[in-house]
């Protein structure tokens, strides 16, 4: 190849934003004595293509993520646990109970075994459902307790409205604050008004006793705090007590009850439980 005398321009002479890369390449190729067989992609075009590919990939991953269901299980053994799901929705799981949450695009489903308290954030665009072996509970923003036992499911509402559906026949009932629904295969839906929330004191730690027998009081306390108890004198179980307790420790409640008893005393056993004995 003959020597070619090329004039290299000064940087100051270049109009960097006005360079026609195709024309400059053709001019240089002609001076060097060869021709370009393929057109070179401009760098800015390559960037646009790469960005488009990334957007397509990201959109595909997002669609796949939203079409798949996410599953989480929370189980409580010796003590209740609390977890936050679906943004600000809180689920408190009672001891010896579990919930399995399935999160899909338009629905949040919970399979419940045992007992749990739900404080559901209002979201009209998504359905929130709790399923037991007996019923389905549909909500959009409310607070309530669901207790599923061997042959019955009980729903207690503390705020808002919930709908309870029987998968067996499709019948449904709506209940609101201060109402409790129990469903059994034999009797169907039974709804009643409640004056206090002793049934969900395991979560709220609030008790209201109105001329209540000591036997029932010990039963409710044991369910809320998880301990075993016994009466050495069966007649003591009939002793009646009235009182209100809110967010107090078990030992504090026992001490207050003992102050109201004349011939009976509640003592702690070496095993960690309690015994009701004669003084």
Protein backbone atom coordinates (compact mmCIF):
# COMPACT_ATOMS: atom_id res chain seq x y z
CA UNK A 1 0.00 0.00 0.00
CA UNK A 2 1.33 3.48 -0.96
CA UNK A 3 2.04 5.90 1.79
CA UNK A 4 -0.88 8.26 2.27
CA UNK A 5 -0.31 11.70 3.60
CA UNK A 6 -3.15 12.21 6.10
CA UNK A 7 -3.79 15.51 7.76
CA UNK A 8 -4.85 15.03 11.36
CA UNK A 9 -7.06 17.93 12.44
CA UNK A 10 -6.67 19.67 15.72
CA UNK A 11 -9.18 18.77 18.43
CA UNK A 12 -10.30 22.37 18.49
CA UNK A 13 -11.28 22.11 14.80
CA UNK A 14 -13.70 19.21 15.38
CA UNK A 15 -17.39 19.84 15.83
CA UNK A 16 -17.93 16.82 18.03
CA UNK A 17 -21.69 17.06 18.10
CA UNK A 18 -21.93 17.40 14.27
CA UNK A 19 -19.74 14.52 13.07
CA UNK A 20 -21.34 12.35 10.37
CA UNK A 21 -19.66 9.05 11.23
CA UNK A 22 -20.76 7.32 8.00
CA UNK A 23 -19.44 10.09 5.76
CA UNK A 24 -16.16 10.36 7.65
CA UNK A 25 -15.69 6.58 7.49
CA UNK A 26 -16.30 6.50 3.72
CA UNK A 27 -13.86 9.38 3.20
CA UNK A 28 -11.16 7.67 5.28
CA UNK A 29 -11.71 4.29 3.61
CA UNK A 30 -11.37 5.85 0.16
CA UNK A 31 -8.08 7.48 1.09
CA UNK A 32 -6.74 4.19 2.51
CA UNK A 33 -7.75 2.24 -0.57
CA UNK A 34 -10.34 -0.24 0.79
CA UNK A 35 -14.07 -0.41 1.09
CA UNK A 36 -16.24 -1.23 4.09
CA UNK A 37 -18.27 -4.41 3.65
CA UNK A 38 -20.56 -3.97 6.65
CA UNK A 39 -22.11 -0.95 8.28
CA UNK A 40 -20.99 -0.40 11.84
CA UNK A 41 -23.78 0.22 14.40
CA UNK A 42 -23.57 3.58 16.08
CA UNK A 43 -22.89 3.45 19.83
CA UNK A 44 -26.04 5.41 20.75
CA UNK A 45 -28.19 2.98 18.72
CA UNK A 46 -26.59 0.04 20.52
CA UNK A 47 -27.44 1.65 23.87
CA UNK A 48 -31.08 2.04 22.86
CA UNK A 49 -31.29 -1.60 21.78
CA UNK A 50 -29.68 -2.77 25.04
CA UNK A 51 -32.10 -0.65 27.09
CA UNK A 52 -35.08 -2.07 25.21
CA UNK A 53 -33.89 -5.63 25.85
CA UNK A 54 -33.50 -4.90 29.59
CA UNK A 55 -37.03 -3.44 29.77
CA UNK A 56 -38.47 -6.52 28.08
CA UNK A 57 -36.61 -8.84 30.45
CA UNK A 58 -37.64 -6.86 33.54
CA UNK A 59 -41.29 -6.79 32.41
CA UNK A 60 -41.23 -10.54 31.82
CA UNK A 61 -39.82 -11.21 35.30
CA UNK A 62 -42.42 -8.86 36.87
CA UNK A 63 -45.30 -10.62 35.09
CA UNK A 64 -44.00 -14.05 36.07
CA UNK A 65 -43.60 -12.90 39.69
CA UNK A 66 -47.14 -11.54 39.86
CA UNK A 67 -48.72 -14.61 38.29
CA UNK A 68 -47.08 -16.99 40.74
CA UNK A 69 -48.42 -17.57 44.23
CA UNK A 70 -46.13 -17.02 47.21
CA UNK A 71 -46.66 -19.31 50.21
CA UNK A 72 -45.56 -18.79 53.83
CA UNK A 73 -46.39 -20.77 56.96
CA UNK A 74 -46.31 -19.44 60.53
CA UNK A 75 -46.72 -21.85 63.45
CA UNK A 76 -46.92 -21.19 67.20
CA UNK A 77 -46.12 -23.99 69.64
CA UNK A 78 -45.70 -22.93 73.28
CA UNK A 79 -46.41 -19.20 73.00
CA UNK A 80 -48.46 -17.03 70.59
CA UNK A 81 -46.62 -15.29 67.77
CA UNK A 82 -47.41 -12.24 65.66
CA UNK A 83 -46.46 -11.51 62.07
CA UNK A 84 -47.11 -8.74 59.54
CA UNK A 85 -48.29 -9.78 56.07
CA UNK A 86 -49.74 -7.98 53.06
CA UNK A 87 -48.33 -4.54 53.93
CA UNK A 88 -49.93 -3.64 57.30
CA UNK A 89 -52.14 -6.66 57.96
CA UNK A 90 -51.26 -8.31 61.29
CA UNK A 91 -51.90 -11.94 62.19
CA UNK A 92 -51.53 -13.20 65.76
CA UNK A 93 -51.30 -16.99 65.96
CA UNK A 94 -52.34 -18.65 69.21
CA UNK A 95 -50.31 -21.49 70.73
CA UNK A 96 -50.65 -24.90 69.08
CA UNK A 97 -51.93 -23.21 65.92
CA UNK A 98 -50.64 -22.40 62.44
CA UNK A 99 -51.50 -20.30 59.38
CA UNK A 100 -50.39 -20.83 55.79
CA UNK A 101 -50.58 -17.67 53.66
CA UNK A 102 -50.91 -17.78 49.87
CA UNK A 103 -50.39 -14.46 48.10
CA UNK A 104 -51.51 -14.13 44.49
CA UNK A 105 -52.24 -11.15 42.22
CA UNK A 106 -55.87 -10.55 43.20
CA UNK A 107 -56.30 -12.55 46.42
CA UNK A 108 -54.63 -13.19 49.77
CA UNK A 109 -55.65 -16.55 51.26
CA UNK A 110 -54.95 -17.96 54.72
CA UNK A 111 -55.40 -21.61 55.68
CA UNK A 112 -55.95 -21.78 59.44
CA UNK A 113 -55.45 -24.65 61.83
CA UNK A 114 -56.31 -23.75 65.42
CA UNK A 115 -56.83 -20.12 66.40
CA UNK A 116 -55.64 -16.73 65.14
CA UNK A 117 -56.54 -13.06 65.46
CA UNK A 118 -56.56 -10.91 62.31
CA UNK A 119 -56.23 -7.14 61.94
CA UNK A 120 -56.74 -6.75 58.19
CA UNK A 121 -55.78 -3.57 56.34
CA UNK A 122 -58.55 -2.31 54.08
CA UNK A 123 -57.87 -2.95 50.38
CA UNK A 124 -60.95 -2.98 48.08
CA UNK A 125 -58.86 -4.20 45.14
CA UNK A 126 -57.83 -7.49 46.77
CA UNK A 127 -59.84 -10.19 48.50
CA UNK A 128 -58.64 -11.44 51.90
CA UNK A 129 -59.90 -14.95 52.80
CA UNK A 130 -59.41 -17.27 55.75
CA UNK A 131 -60.25 -20.94 55.26
CA UNK A 132 -60.81 -23.56 57.97
CA UNK A 133 -62.00 -27.11 57.50
CA UNK A 134 -65.59 -25.84 57.95
CA UNK A 135 -65.97 -22.32 56.54
CA UNK A 136 -64.47 -19.49 54.53
CA UNK A 137 -64.21 -15.98 56.04
CA UNK A 138 -64.15 -13.07 53.56
CA UNK A 139 -62.99 -9.61 54.70
CA UNK A 140 -61.87 -6.24 53.31
CA UNK A 141 -60.67 -4.47 56.43
CA UNK A 142 -61.60 -5.40 59.97
CA UNK A 143 -60.40 -7.04 63.20
CA UNK A 144 -61.65 -10.44 64.26
CA UNK A 145 -60.74 -13.80 65.79
CA UNK A 146 -61.17 -17.23 64.21
CA UNK A 147 -61.04 -20.39 66.32
CA UNK A 148 -61.24 -23.74 64.56
CA UNK A 149 -61.70 -26.77 66.79
CA UNK A 150 -62.58 -30.40 66.12
CA UNK A 151 -66.16 -29.94 64.93
CA UNK A 152 -66.77 -26.18 65.00
CA UNK A 153 -65.43 -22.82 63.84
CA UNK A 154 -66.10 -19.65 65.86
CA UNK A 155 -65.64 -16.13 64.45
CA UNK A 156 -65.63 -13.15 66.85
CA UNK A 157 -65.61 -9.61 65.40
CA UNK A 158 -64.04 -6.67 67.25
CA UNK A 159 -64.39 -4.11 64.42
CA UNK A 160 -65.87 -3.92 60.92
CA UNK A 161 -67.88 -6.57 59.09
CA UNK A 162 -66.95 -10.06 57.95
CA UNK A 163 -68.77 -12.57 55.78
CA UNK A 164 -68.69 -16.26 56.70
CA UNK A 165 -69.44 -18.73 53.93
CA UNK A 166 -70.18 -22.46 54.14
CA UNK A 167 -68.40 -24.22 51.24
CA UNK A 168 -70.80 -27.14 51.71
CA UNK A 169 -73.94 -25.33 50.52
CA UNK A 170 -72.75 -21.81 49.66
CA UNK A 171 -74.85 -20.16 52.38
CA UNK A 172 -73.32 -17.10 54.00
CA UNK A 173 -73.86 -14.82 57.01
CA UNK A 174 -72.42 -11.36 57.72
CA UNK A 175 -71.54 -10.39 61.29
CA UNK A 176 -70.31 -7.13 62.77
CA UNK A 177 -68.69 -5.76 65.92
CA UNK A 178 -69.78 -7.41 69.19
CA UNK A 179 -71.16 -10.43 67.35
CA UNK A 180 -69.90 -14.00 67.43
CA UNK A 181 -70.72 -16.74 64.94
CA UNK A 182 -70.28 -20.45 65.49
CA UNK A 183 -70.63 -22.93 62.65
CA UNK A 184 -71.14 -26.68 63.01
CA UNK A 185 -72.21 -29.19 60.39
CA UNK A 186 -75.15 -30.18 62.60
CA UNK A 187 -76.57 -26.75 63.50
CA UNK A 188 -75.16 -24.56 60.71
CA UNK A 189 -74.72 -20.86 61.60
CA UNK A 190 -75.47 -19.66 65.12
CA UNK A 191 -74.97 -15.92 65.80
CA UNK A 192 -75.08 -14.25 69.20
CA UNK A 193 -74.23 -10.92 70.79
CA UNK A 194 -71.26 -10.87 73.15
CA UNK A 195 -70.77 -8.54 76.11
CA UNK A 196 -67.01 -9.00 76.44
CA UNK A 197 -64.09 -10.56 74.64
CA UNK A 198 -62.96 -13.14 77.13
CA UNK A 199 -62.98 -15.68 74.31
CA UNK A 200 -60.09 -13.82 72.65
CA UNK A 201 -58.35 -12.68 75.83
CA UNK A 202 -55.33 -14.74 74.72
CA UNK A 203 -54.71 -11.88 72.26
CA UNK A 204 -56.24 -8.80 73.92
CA UNK A 205 -55.32 -9.77 77.52
CA UNK A 206 -58.56 -8.21 78.72
CA UNK A 207 -60.96 -10.03 81.06
CA UNK A 208 -64.38 -9.03 82.32
CA UNK A 209 -65.86 -11.28 85.01
CA UNK A 210 -69.38 -10.60 86.24
CA UNK A 211 -70.36 -12.94 89.07
CA UNK A 212 -68.34 -15.64 87.28
CA UNK A 213 -67.53 -18.99 88.90
CA UNK A 214 -63.88 -19.51 89.83
CA UNK A 215 -63.85 -22.68 87.74
CA UNK A 216 -64.69 -20.70 84.58
CA UNK A 217 -62.20 -17.98 85.51
CA UNK A 218 -59.34 -20.47 85.87
CA UNK A 219 -60.31 -22.07 82.55
CA UNK A 220 -60.22 -18.74 80.71
CA UNK A 221 -56.95 -17.70 82.33
CA UNK A 222 -55.32 -21.03 81.47
CA UNK A 223 -56.39 -20.67 77.84
CA UNK A 224 -55.01 -17.14 77.65
CA UNK A 225 -51.71 -17.68 79.49
CA UNK A 226 -51.10 -21.36 78.80
CA UNK A 227 -50.84 -23.17 82.14
CA UNK A 228 -52.35 -26.21 83.83
CA UNK A 229 -54.44 -26.01 87.00
CA UNK A 230 -56.37 -28.23 89.40
CA UNK A 231 -58.89 -27.89 92.24
CA UNK A 232 -58.02 -29.85 95.36
CA UNK A 233 -61.42 -28.88 96.72
CA UNK A 234 -64.08 -29.15 94.01
CA UNK A 235 -66.46 -26.88 95.90
CA UNK A 236 -64.04 -23.98 95.46
CA UNK A 237 -64.80 -23.99 91.74
CA UNK A 238 -68.26 -22.59 92.52
CA UNK A 239 -66.95 -19.45 94.24
CA UNK A 240 -68.14 -16.39 92.26
CA UNK A 241 -66.02 -13.34 91.43
CA UNK A 242 -66.58 -10.04 89.61
CA UNK A 243 -63.76 -7.91 88.25
CA UNK A 244 -62.03 -6.44 85.21
CA UNK A 245 -58.41 -7.01 84.22
CA UNK A 246 -56.61 -5.26 81.36
CA UNK A 247 -53.08 -6.03 80.18
CA UNK A 248 -52.01 -7.41 83.55
CA UNK A 249 -49.59 -10.23 84.21
CA UNK A 250 -50.93 -13.60 85.29
CA UNK A 251 -49.29 -13.31 88.71
CA UNK A 252 -50.95 -9.94 89.25
CA UNK A 253 -54.39 -11.34 88.38
CA UNK A 254 -53.89 -14.35 90.68
CA UNK A 255 -52.84 -12.08 93.57
CA UNK A 256 -55.93 -9.91 93.17
CA UNK A 257 -58.23 -12.95 93.03
CA UNK A 258 -56.61 -14.37 96.17
CA UNK A 259 -57.43 -11.14 98.01
CA UNK A 260 -61.13 -11.72 97.33
CA UNK A 261 -61.13 -15.35 98.50
CA UNK A 262 -61.87 -16.23 102.14
CA UNK A 263 -61.19 -19.94 102.63
CA UNK A 264 -59.52 -20.68 99.30
CA UNK A 265 -56.09 -19.85 97.94
CA UNK A 266 -54.51 -20.19 94.49
CA UNK A 267 -50.89 -21.33 94.71
CA UNK A 268 -48.25 -22.09 92.12
CA UNK A 269 -47.15 -25.72 91.80
CA UNK A 270 -43.55 -26.92 91.37
CA UNK A 271 -44.42 -27.86 87.77
CA UNK A 272 -45.29 -24.25 86.95
CA UNK A 273 -49.05 -24.64 87.04
CA UNK A 274 -51.57 -23.57 89.69
CA UNK A 275 -53.62 -25.35 92.35
CA UNK A 276 -56.72 -24.09 94.13
CA UNK A 277 -56.49 -25.25 97.75
CA UNK A 278 -58.15 -24.69 101.11
CA UNK A 279 -56.39 -22.19 103.37
